């Protein structure tokens, strides 16, 4: 694979290339326009197109791999093994806490000369570790190891693979950020997320049926499903061979010679005489620090209550688990249907105003749970509508948070900025979950209802800093409201 060559564009260049429509609604002028994500990269249009397709196909196979190595299937596997509460606590906390290692991973990735090779080493090793668990499951089925040893091995692999993911996450995001043109980020990530959601919606029930109906028992059934998932995981890695490679050394060299306005953020301080990354560049980047303040507060506020909505349905409302999975499917469907729409709106109006306005709906959502009961109208109308609202609004929040992070982080040492954001989000999210569990367990503030009210307050407070984040091509909230009203009115008139 050839690394992309970097060049410094002429600052007085104003010519705009002609546009022509290509697949995934990527246009030639958007691909080659002078955006920071691609203006310094001599990436042919066909290579950008191939990279976007490869990344989308990668998302499908990676989602299948993730389904088999996390979530409900892995939890059910530990239940079948008789794992205790400590094991389930570790299973929940490990993915959030390992984000603290992301700055180290960003530093290591910046010392390499290929995003592709770094990704192969990190995620290739991670996939291989899951092969050990698949082999161990069949060994346990043959009586060679007991369930206690299998639980310990599972937790070790979860820890090791999440640590590896922490080392590779920032570099992978920086790689993708350099490939996807800035003006296409909302639309493209919306499509990519929708494809992933659709894969999840189809494959989770299918995998569950295989596990529960396998003739050799549920443990062996999970071993079969895990083996299939690992195979798809390696296929997802093969898809990355078709993505344009990026050399972090050249990326940082170009960024060090660019002006702050070229980098898409007005407050980024670039030291053009220093090629080694300094932490002072982040300390002096007030815009990125404002984003970190918002992101950390938001993750804390959200995780105060989010892990406990299912508990509220299963425990407080005493609903059957089939109802809970049914509502989960409704939420996933709403997320799938609206993700592309939010992507288009984000490209047109920006991410910051969408986060501010939709964030208010997400903030008050916990209060809507307080009136839920077990009457038929609640089961068949209120709870489905509540999950539709949750799925639709969180499609906007997830997409725009990701895009806003890509927009405010400078190109130079970009993976380090992503790593710090992930570390802050992981630490704050884990803290929120811990405090929320303590409140529920000790019945402080009235238990779950009090926790939902508290989460609502913190969510509203967390939205304040996002108003002050400077986003490239940003619009004021008033301009956003006016333009989105005209956008929908024009669409209605055309119909």
Protein backbone atom coordinates (compact mmCIF):
# COMPACT_ATOMS: atom_id res chain seq x y z
CA UNK A 1 0.00 0.00 0.00
CA UNK A 2 1.35 3.43 -0.92
CA UNK A 3 1.22 6.22 1.62
CA UNK A 4 -0.46 9.41 0.49
CA UNK A 5 2.00 12.18 -0.40
CA UNK A 6 1.49 15.55 1.25
CA UNK A 7 1.94 19.01 -0.17
CA UNK A 8 1.42 22.60 0.95
CA UNK A 9 -1.25 24.25 -1.21
CA UNK A 10 -0.87 27.76 -2.55
CA UNK A 11 -2.56 30.16 -0.16
CA UNK A 12 -3.92 32.35 -2.93
CA UNK A 13 -5.55 29.53 -4.84
CA UNK A 14 -9.21 30.27 -5.54
CA UNK A 15 -10.05 28.09 -8.50
CA UNK A 16 -12.84 25.59 -7.90
CA UNK A 17 -12.93 22.31 -9.83
CA UNK A 18 -16.00 21.32 -11.75
CA UNK A 19 -18.40 18.98 -9.94
CA UNK A 20 -19.70 15.64 -11.07
CA UNK A 21 -21.82 13.20 -9.13
CA UNK A 22 -20.26 9.93 -7.94
CA UNK A 23 -21.42 7.12 -5.67
CA UNK A 24 -22.39 7.63 -2.01
CA UNK A 25 -23.43 11.13 -3.11
CA UNK A 26 -19.78 12.20 -3.02
CA UNK A 27 -19.17 15.01 -5.52
CA UNK A 28 -15.93 15.84 -7.16
CA UNK A 29 -15.86 19.41 -5.92
CA UNK A 30 -16.42 18.19 -2.36
CA UNK A 31 -13.64 15.64 -2.61
CA UNK A 32 -11.06 18.04 -4.08
CA UNK A 33 -12.25 21.27 -2.46
CA UNK A 34 -9.76 23.07 -0.29
CA UNK A 35 -10.81 21.57 3.02
CA UNK A 36 -8.13 20.79 5.53
CA UNK A 37 -9.00 17.11 5.59
CA UNK A 38 -8.03 16.67 1.95
CA UNK A 39 -6.45 19.91 0.74
CA UNK A 40 -2.95 18.82 1.72
CA UNK A 41 -3.38 15.24 0.48
CA UNK A 42 -2.92 14.28 -3.14
CA UNK A 43 -5.66 11.67 -2.99
CA UNK A 44 -7.17 10.78 -6.37
CA UNK A 45 -10.96 10.93 -6.55
CA UNK A 46 -11.24 7.24 -7.32
CA UNK A 47 -9.04 6.44 -4.29
CA UNK A 48 -11.27 8.51 -2.03
CA UNK A 49 -14.33 6.73 -3.42
CA UNK A 50 -12.72 3.32 -2.91
CA UNK A 51 -11.68 4.26 0.64
CA UNK A 52 -15.21 5.34 1.56
CA UNK A 53 -16.69 2.12 0.21
CA UNK A 54 -14.05 0.04 1.97
CA UNK A 55 -14.73 1.82 5.24
CA UNK A 56 -18.47 1.20 4.88
CA UNK A 57 -18.02 -2.51 4.16
CA UNK A 58 -15.54 -2.63 7.05
CA UNK A 59 -18.29 -1.26 9.31
CA UNK A 60 -20.60 -4.15 8.37
CA UNK A 61 -18.12 -6.91 9.19
CA UNK A 62 -16.77 -5.10 12.26
CA UNK A 63 -20.32 -4.77 13.59
CA UNK A 64 -20.88 -8.52 13.26
CA UNK A 65 -17.60 -9.12 15.09
CA UNK A 66 -18.63 -6.69 17.84
CA UNK A 67 -22.03 -8.35 18.23
CA UNK A 68 -20.39 -11.70 19.01
CA UNK A 69 -17.72 -10.33 21.37
CA UNK A 70 -19.75 -7.89 23.45
CA UNK A 71 -23.25 -6.92 24.47
CA UNK A 72 -26.07 -9.31 25.19
CA UNK A 73 -24.39 -12.42 23.72
CA UNK A 74 -21.26 -12.08 25.87
CA UNK A 75 -23.35 -11.26 28.94
CA UNK A 76 -25.54 -14.32 28.36
CA UNK A 77 -22.39 -16.42 27.94
CA UNK A 78 -21.16 -15.32 31.39
CA UNK A 79 -24.59 -16.01 32.87
CA UNK A 80 -24.44 -19.56 31.52
CA UNK A 81 -21.02 -19.94 33.15
CA UNK A 82 -22.41 -18.79 36.50
CA UNK A 83 -20.31 -15.58 36.70
CA UNK A 84 -20.85 -13.42 39.79
CA UNK A 85 -21.78 -9.74 40.07
CA UNK A 86 -18.13 -8.68 40.19
CA UNK A 87 -17.54 -10.19 36.76
CA UNK A 88 -20.49 -8.30 35.29
CA UNK A 89 -19.29 -5.09 36.94
CA UNK A 90 -15.89 -5.55 35.28
CA UNK A 91 -17.56 -6.28 31.96
CA UNK A 92 -19.36 -2.92 32.16
CA UNK A 93 -16.53 -0.77 33.49
CA UNK A 94 -13.57 -2.05 31.43
CA UNK A 95 -14.60 -0.50 28.07
CA UNK A 96 -14.93 2.95 29.66
CA UNK A 97 -11.86 2.89 31.88
CA UNK A 98 -9.45 1.68 29.20
CA UNK A 99 -10.03 4.95 27.33
CA UNK A 100 -7.52 6.44 29.76
CA UNK A 101 -4.79 4.67 27.79
CA UNK A 102 -5.73 6.39 24.52
CA UNK A 103 -3.18 9.25 24.88
CA UNK A 104 -0.41 6.64 25.03
CA UNK A 105 -1.81 4.98 21.92
CA UNK A 106 -1.93 8.34 20.15
CA UNK A 107 1.71 9.02 21.03
CA UNK A 108 2.80 5.60 19.77
CA UNK A 109 0.84 5.97 16.54
CA UNK A 110 2.42 9.36 15.83
CA UNK A 111 5.86 7.72 15.88
CA UNK A 112 4.91 5.39 13.02
CA UNK A 113 4.86 6.09 9.30
CA UNK A 114 1.64 4.27 8.39
CA UNK A 115 -1.84 4.38 9.88
CA UNK A 116 -2.62 1.15 8.04
CA UNK A 117 0.26 -0.88 9.48
CA UNK A 118 -0.36 0.43 12.98
CA UNK A 119 -4.03 -0.56 12.72
CA UNK A 120 -3.12 -4.03 11.46
CA UNK A 121 -0.78 -4.67 14.39
CA UNK A 122 -3.25 -3.43 17.00
CA UNK A 123 -6.51 -4.90 15.74
CA UNK A 124 -4.94 -8.01 14.24
CA UNK A 125 -3.56 -8.92 17.66
CA UNK A 126 -6.93 -8.14 19.24
CA UNK A 127 -8.80 -10.45 16.86
CA UNK A 128 -6.29 -13.25 17.49
CA UNK A 129 -6.92 -13.10 21.24
CA UNK A 130 -10.59 -13.92 20.69
CA UNK A 131 -9.50 -17.06 18.84
CA UNK A 132 -8.13 -18.27 22.20
CA UNK A 133 -11.58 -17.92 23.77
CA UNK A 134 -13.26 -19.80 20.91
CA UNK A 135 -10.79 -22.67 21.35
CA UNK A 136 -11.24 -22.58 25.14
CA UNK A 137 -15.03 -22.87 24.80
CA UNK A 138 -14.73 -26.14 22.90
CA UNK A 139 -12.11 -27.31 25.40
CA UNK A 140 -14.57 -26.59 28.22
CA UNK A 141 -17.26 -28.47 26.34
CA UNK A 142 -14.91 -31.44 26.31
CA UNK A 143 -14.24 -31.09 30.03
CA UNK A 144 -10.62 -29.92 29.69
CA UNK A 145 -11.19 -26.65 31.63
CA UNK A 146 -13.91 -25.65 34.08
CA UNK A 147 -16.35 -22.74 33.99
CA UNK A 148 -14.44 -20.69 36.56
CA UNK A 149 -11.29 -20.76 34.43
CA UNK A 150 -13.34 -19.88 31.37
CA UNK A 151 -14.83 -16.83 33.13
CA UNK A 152 -11.36 -15.63 34.12
CA UNK A 153 -10.05 -16.17 30.59
CA UNK A 154 -13.01 -14.26 29.16
CA UNK A 155 -12.43 -11.28 31.44
CA UNK A 156 -8.71 -11.31 30.64
CA UNK A 157 -9.44 -11.25 26.90
CA UNK A 158 -12.01 -8.48 27.34
CA UNK A 159 -9.44 -6.42 29.25
CA UNK A 160 -6.61 -7.11 26.80
CA UNK A 161 -8.65 -6.44 23.67
CA UNK A 162 -10.12 -3.24 25.09
CA UNK A 163 -6.63 -2.06 26.05
CA UNK A 164 -5.52 -2.73 22.48
CA UNK A 165 -8.58 -0.88 21.25
CA UNK A 166 -7.59 2.04 23.46
CA UNK A 167 -4.15 2.06 21.86
CA UNK A 168 -5.59 2.05 18.36
CA UNK A 169 -8.81 4.05 18.58
CA UNK A 170 -7.39 7.58 18.23
CA UNK A 171 -5.15 6.61 15.32
CA UNK A 172 -8.03 4.91 13.49
CA UNK A 173 -10.29 7.97 13.93
CA UNK A 174 -7.54 10.29 12.74
CA UNK A 175 -7.00 8.06 9.70
CA UNK A 176 -10.66 8.17 8.77
CA UNK A 177 -10.87 11.92 9.45
CA UNK A 178 -8.13 12.55 6.88
CA UNK A 179 -9.86 10.43 4.24
CA UNK A 180 -13.45 11.72 4.56
CA UNK A 181 -13.83 15.27 3.15
CA UNK A 182 -15.08 17.70 5.77
CA UNK A 183 -18.20 18.69 3.83
CA UNK A 184 -19.21 15.06 3.54
CA UNK A 185 -18.66 14.03 7.14
CA UNK A 186 -22.26 14.33 8.27
CA UNK A 187 -23.65 12.57 5.23
CA UNK A 188 -21.01 9.87 5.05
CA UNK A 189 -20.92 9.00 8.75
CA UNK A 190 -24.71 9.02 8.71
CA UNK A 191 -24.71 6.40 5.93
CA UNK A 192 -21.97 4.41 7.64
CA UNK A 193 -23.80 4.43 10.98
CA UNK A 194 -27.08 3.45 9.32
CA UNK A 195 -25.43 0.47 7.62
CA UNK A 196 -23.94 -0.55 10.95
CA UNK A 197 -27.30 -0.15 12.73
CA UNK A 198 -29.07 -2.21 10.08
CA UNK A 199 -26.46 -4.95 10.43
CA UNK A 200 -26.93 -4.89 14.19
CA UNK A 201 -30.72 -4.99 13.86
CA UNK A 202 -30.59 -8.08 11.65
CA UNK A 203 -27.73 -10.02 13.18
CA UNK A 204 -28.42 -9.71 16.92
CA UNK A 205 -31.74 -11.65 16.81
CA UNK A 206 -30.25 -14.14 14.34
CA UNK A 207 -27.22 -14.79 16.55
CA UNK A 208 -29.48 -15.10 19.58
CA UNK A 209 -31.59 -17.76 17.85
CA UNK A 210 -28.47 -19.73 16.89
CA UNK A 211 -27.12 -19.65 20.44
CA UNK A 212 -30.41 -20.60 22.10
CA UNK A 213 -31.36 -23.39 19.67
CA UNK A 214 -27.98 -24.99 19.03
CA UNK A 215 -28.21 -28.73 19.52
CA UNK A 216 -24.99 -28.96 21.55
CA UNK A 217 -26.16 -26.43 24.13
CA UNK A 218 -25.90 -22.67 24.55
CA UNK A 219 -22.18 -22.68 25.40
CA UNK A 220 -21.31 -24.56 22.25
CA UNK A 221 -23.76 -22.41 20.30
CA UNK A 222 -21.95 -19.29 21.49
CA UNK A 223 -18.64 -20.88 20.48
CA UNK A 224 -19.98 -21.36 16.94
CA UNK A 225 -21.30 -17.80 16.76
CA UNK A 226 -18.05 -16.42 18.18
CA UNK A 227 -16.03 -18.33 15.59
CA UNK A 228 -18.14 -16.86 12.80
CA UNK A 229 -17.77 -13.39 14.32
CA UNK A 230 -13.98 -13.73 14.49
CA UNK A 231 -13.91 -14.72 10.81
CA UNK A 232 -15.88 -11.59 9.93
CA UNK A 233 -13.53 -9.59 12.15
CA UNK A 234 -10.55 -10.62 10.03
CA UNK A 235 -12.53 -9.80 6.87
CA UNK A 236 -13.12 -6.30 8.28
CA UNK A 237 -9.36 -5.91 8.68
CA UNK A 238 -8.87 -7.00 5.07
CA UNK A 239 -11.21 -4.19 3.98
CA UNK A 240 -8.75 -1.67 5.40
CA UNK A 241 -6.23 -2.73 2.74
CA UNK A 242 -8.34 -0.78 0.23
CA UNK A 243 -8.26 2.49 2.21
CA UNK A 244 -5.77 5.22 1.35
CA UNK A 245 -2.90 5.05 3.83
CA UNK A 246 -1.76 8.14 5.76
CA UNK A 247 1.74 8.84 7.06
CA UNK A 248 1.41 10.58 10.48
CA UNK A 249 4.89 12.07 10.13
CA UNK A 250 4.03 13.84 6.89
CA UNK A 251 0.59 14.80 8.18
CA UNK A 252 2.14 16.56 11.18
CA UNK A 253 4.83 18.20 9.03
CA UNK A 254 2.23 19.73 6.73
CA UNK A 255 0.04 20.82 9.63
CA UNK A 256 2.98 22.53 11.34
CA UNK A 257 3.38 24.75 8.27
CA UNK A 258 -0.31 25.57 7.95
CA UNK A 259 -2.00 28.58 9.48
CA UNK A 260 -4.64 28.15 12.21
CA UNK A 261 -7.38 29.33 9.85
CA UNK A 262 -6.48 26.58 7.41
CA UNK A 263 -6.86 24.01 10.14
CA UNK A 264 -10.51 24.83 10.68
CA UNK A 265 -10.24 26.20 14.21
CA UNK A 266 -9.51 29.79 15.15
CA UNK A 267 -7.85 29.17 18.48
CA UNK A 268 -5.38 26.41 17.56
CA UNK A 269 -1.82 27.45 18.37
CA UNK A 270 0.78 25.98 16.03
CA UNK A 271 4.49 26.14 16.84
CA UNK A 272 6.06 26.04 13.38
CA UNK A 273 9.57 25.67 14.73
CA UNK A 274 8.85 22.60 16.82
CA UNK A 275 8.05 19.26 15.18
CA UNK A 276 7.64 17.35 18.43
CA UNK A 277 4.17 17.55 19.96
CA UNK A 278 3.89 19.67 23.10
CA UNK A 279 1.08 19.46 25.61
CA UNK A 280 1.07 23.26 25.70
CA UNK A 281 -0.62 23.28 22.29
CA UNK A 282 -3.68 21.65 23.85
CA UNK A 283 -3.59 23.84 26.96
CA UNK A 284 -3.55 26.94 24.75
CA UNK A 285 -6.28 25.64 22.46
CA UNK A 286 -9.25 27.22 24.23
CA UNK A 287 -11.71 25.96 21.62
CA UNK A 288 -10.71 22.33 22.11
CA UNK A 289 -10.75 22.77 25.91
CA UNK A 290 -14.28 24.14 25.66
CA UNK A 291 -15.26 21.06 23.67
CA UNK A 292 -13.64 18.83 26.32
CA UNK A 293 -15.61 20.61 29.04
CA UNK A 294 -18.84 19.98 27.17
CA UNK A 295 -17.97 16.40 26.23
CA UNK A 296 -16.89 15.42 29.75
CA UNK A 297 -19.93 16.98 31.42
CA UNK A 298 -22.24 15.43 28.84
CA UNK A 299 -20.85 11.91 29.25
CA UNK A 300 -21.09 12.22 33.03
CA UNK A 301 -24.69 13.47 32.90
CA UNK A 302 -25.82 10.87 30.37
CA UNK A 303 -24.26 7.92 32.18
CA UNK A 304 -25.85 8.95 35.46
CA UNK A 305 -29.11 7.47 34.20
CA UNK A 306 -28.67 5.72 30.84
CA UNK A 307 -27.53 2.31 32.22
CA UNK A 308 -30.59 2.21 34.49
CA UNK A 309 -33.47 2.59 32.02
CA UNK A 310 -33.52 -1.16 31.37
CA UNK A 311 -33.32 -1.75 35.12
CA UNK A 312 -36.32 0.54 35.54
CA UNK A 313 -38.35 -1.56 33.09
CA UNK A 314 -37.20 -4.94 34.41
CA UNK A 315 -37.25 -4.16 38.13
CA UNK A 316 -39.53 -1.21 38.88
CA UNK A 317 -42.09 -1.96 36.16
CA UNK A 318 -41.45 -5.75 36.33
CA UNK A 319 -41.73 -6.12 32.55
CA UNK A 320 -40.82 -9.38 30.84
CA UNK A 321 -37.46 -9.35 29.06
CA UNK A 322 -39.23 -9.90 25.73
CA UNK A 323 -40.84 -6.47 26.09
CA UNK A 324 -37.47 -4.88 26.79
CA UNK A 325 -35.86 -6.42 23.70
CA UNK A 326 -38.90 -5.37 21.64
CA UNK A 327 -38.50 -1.76 22.72
CA UNK A 328 -34.78 -1.98 22.02
CA UNK A 329 -35.53 -3.02 18.44
CA UNK A 330 -37.88 -0.05 18.04
CA UNK A 331 -35.16 2.29 19.28
CA UNK A 332 -32.59 0.78 16.91
CA UNK A 333 -35.01 1.13 14.00
CA UNK A 334 -35.62 4.82 14.74
CA UNK A 335 -31.88 5.38 15.00
CA UNK A 336 -31.36 3.66 11.64
CA UNK A 337 -34.07 5.63 9.81
CA UNK A 338 -33.05 9.07 11.05
CA UNK A 339 -29.26 8.77 10.95
CA UNK A 340 -28.97 9.72 7.27
CA UNK A 341 -31.37 12.67 7.72
CA UNK A 342 -29.31 14.03 10.60
CA UNK A 343 -26.18 13.60 8.50
CA UNK A 344 -27.63 15.76 5.72
CA UNK A 345 -28.77 18.41 8.21
CA UNK A 346 -25.35 18.44 9.86
CA UNK A 347 -23.65 19.02 6.50
CA UNK A 348 -26.06 21.84 5.70
CA UNK A 349 -26.40 23.62 9.05
CA UNK A 350 -23.44 22.46 11.14
CA UNK A 351 -23.19 20.17 14.16
CA UNK A 352 -23.15 22.66 17.04
CA UNK A 353 -26.72 24.02 16.63
CA UNK A 354 -28.10 20.49 16.22
CA UNK A 355 -26.35 19.40 19.42
CA UNK A 356 -27.73 22.38 21.31
CA UNK A 357 -31.35 21.99 20.19
CA UNK A 358 -31.66 18.20 20.00
CA UNK A 359 -29.64 18.00 23.23
CA UNK A 360 -32.52 19.70 25.04
CA UNK A 361 -34.84 16.88 23.97
CA UNK A 362 -32.29 14.29 25.12
CA UNK A 363 -31.88 16.17 28.40
CA UNK A 364 -35.58 16.07 29.29
CA UNK A 365 -36.05 12.45 28.16
CA UNK A 366 -35.35 11.01 31.67
CA UNK A 367 -38.30 13.01 33.00
CA UNK A 368 -40.62 11.30 30.51
CA UNK A 369 -39.84 7.96 32.16
CA UNK A 370 -41.36 9.12 35.45
CA UNK A 371 -44.92 8.81 34.17
CA UNK A 372 -44.51 5.32 32.74
CA UNK A 373 -46.53 2.49 34.26
CA UNK A 374 -47.70 -0.96 33.27
CA UNK A 375 -51.06 -0.02 31.76
CA UNK A 376 -51.81 -1.07 28.20
CA UNK A 377 -51.51 2.50 26.95
CA UNK A 378 -48.03 2.66 28.46
CA UNK A 379 -46.94 -0.68 27.03
CA UNK A 380 -48.33 -0.18 23.54
CA UNK A 381 -48.08 3.59 23.04
CA UNK A 382 -46.02 5.54 25.57
CA UNK A 383 -42.99 3.25 25.84
CA UNK A 384 -42.73 2.69 22.05
CA UNK A 385 -42.95 6.46 21.46
CA UNK A 386 -40.35 7.03 24.15
CA UNK A 387 -37.94 4.62 22.49
CA UNK A 388 -38.60 6.16 19.07
CA UNK A 389 -37.73 9.56 20.55
CA UNK A 390 -34.60 8.15 22.17
CA UNK A 391 -33.41 6.41 19.01
CA UNK A 392 -34.07 9.42 16.78
CA UNK A 393 -32.46 12.02 19.03
CA UNK A 394 -29.44 9.90 19.91
CA UNK A 395 -28.78 9.39 16.20
CA UNK A 396 -28.22 13.16 16.02
CA UNK A 397 -26.18 13.35 19.24
CA UNK A 398 -23.80 10.51 18.35
CA UNK A 399 -23.26 11.70 14.80
CA UNK A 400 -22.79 15.40 15.63
CA UNK A 401 -20.53 14.74 18.63
CA UNK A 402 -18.25 12.73 16.37
CA UNK A 403 -18.28 15.34 13.60
CA UNK A 404 -17.76 18.26 15.99
CA UNK A 405 -14.75 16.48 17.48
CA UNK A 406 -13.32 16.03 13.99
CA UNK A 407 -13.90 19.70 13.28
CA UNK A 408 -12.30 21.23 16.37
CA UNK A 409 -9.20 19.01 16.48
CA UNK A 410 -6.27 20.38 14.43
CA UNK A 411 -4.58 18.18 11.88
CA UNK A 412 -1.19 18.19 13.56
CA UNK A 413 -1.03 15.38 16.14
CA UNK A 414 -4.74 14.90 15.54
CA UNK A 415 -4.83 11.44 17.08
CA UNK A 416 -3.57 12.88 20.37
CA UNK A 417 -6.54 15.25 20.53
CA UNK A 418 -8.93 12.38 19.81
CA UNK A 419 -7.22 10.28 22.48
CA UNK A 420 -7.56 12.98 25.13
CA UNK A 421 -11.23 13.44 24.26
CA UNK A 422 -11.81 9.68 24.55
CA UNK A 423 -9.95 9.53 27.86
CA UNK A 424 -12.01 12.38 29.30
CA UNK A 425 -15.24 10.82 28.01
CA UNK A 426 -14.35 7.39 29.40
CA UNK A 427 -13.37 8.69 32.84
CA UNK A 428 -16.43 10.95 33.13
CA UNK A 429 -18.75 8.22 31.85
CA UNK A 430 -17.39 5.69 34.33
CA UNK A 431 -17.72 8.23 37.13
CA UNK A 432 -21.31 8.94 36.13
CA UNK A 433 -22.22 5.23 36.07
CA UNK A 434 -20.56 4.66 39.45
CA UNK A 435 -22.32 7.59 41.12
CA UNK A 436 -25.63 6.59 39.51
CA UNK A 437 -25.29 3.04 40.84
CA UNK A 438 -24.47 4.38 44.30
CA UNK A 439 -27.56 6.61 44.26
CA UNK A 440 -29.82 3.74 43.21
CA UNK A 441 -28.33 1.22 45.64
CA UNK A 442 -28.57 3.54 48.64
CA UNK A 443 -31.93 5.02 47.62
CA UNK A 444 -30.53 8.56 47.71
CA UNK A 445 -32.68 11.32 46.13
CA UNK A 446 -35.58 8.89 45.92
CA UNK A 447 -33.91 6.06 44.00
CA UNK A 448 -34.39 5.77 40.25
CA UNK A 449 -36.97 8.62 39.88
CA UNK A 450 -34.64 10.98 41.74
CA UNK A 451 -31.72 9.83 39.62
CA UNK A 452 -33.64 10.56 36.41
CA UNK A 453 -34.43 14.09 37.64
CA UNK A 454 -30.80 14.66 38.63
CA UNK A 455 -29.59 13.42 35.25
CA UNK A 456 -31.96 15.81 33.48
CA UNK A 457 -30.51 18.78 35.39
CA UNK A 458 -26.92 17.77 34.68
CA UNK A 459 -27.68 17.20 30.99
CA UNK A 460 -29.09 20.71 30.63
CA UNK A 461 -26.06 22.18 32.39
CA UNK A 462 -23.71 20.16 30.16
CA UNK A 463 -25.21 21.76 27.03
CA UNK A 464 -24.07 25.26 28.03
CA UNK A 465 -20.40 24.89 26.95
CA UNK A 466 -21.31 23.56 23.47
CA UNK A 467 -22.80 26.96 22.62
CA UNK A 468 -19.31 28.46 22.95
CA UNK A 469 -17.50 25.89 20.80
CA UNK A 470 -16.28 27.42 17.54
CA UNK A 471 -17.14 25.13 14.65
CA UNK A 472 -15.96 25.66 11.06
CA UNK A 473 -18.84 27.02 8.95
CA UNK A 474 -20.75 27.56 12.18
CA UNK A 475 -24.14 29.22 12.29
CA UNK A 476 -25.90 30.90 15.15
CA UNK A 477 -28.86 29.12 16.69
CA UNK A 478 -31.20 31.76 15.25
CA UNK A 479 -29.78 31.24 11.74
CA UNK A 480 -30.09 27.48 12.20
CA UNK A 481 -33.76 27.70 13.20
CA UNK A 482 -34.57 30.02 10.28
CA UNK A 483 -32.75 27.90 7.70
CA UNK A 484 -34.10 24.57 8.90
CA UNK A 485 -37.62 26.00 8.81
CA UNK A 486 -37.09 27.12 5.20
CA UNK A 487 -35.50 23.76 4.39
CA UNK A 488 -38.57 21.79 5.48
CA UNK A 489 -41.00 24.31 3.97
CA UNK A 490 -39.30 24.00 0.58
CA UNK A 491 -39.43 20.23 0.86
CA UNK A 492 -43.15 20.37 1.67
CA UNK A 493 -43.84 22.71 -1.27
CA UNK A 494 -41.93 20.47 -3.67
CA UNK A 495 -44.10 17.54 -2.64
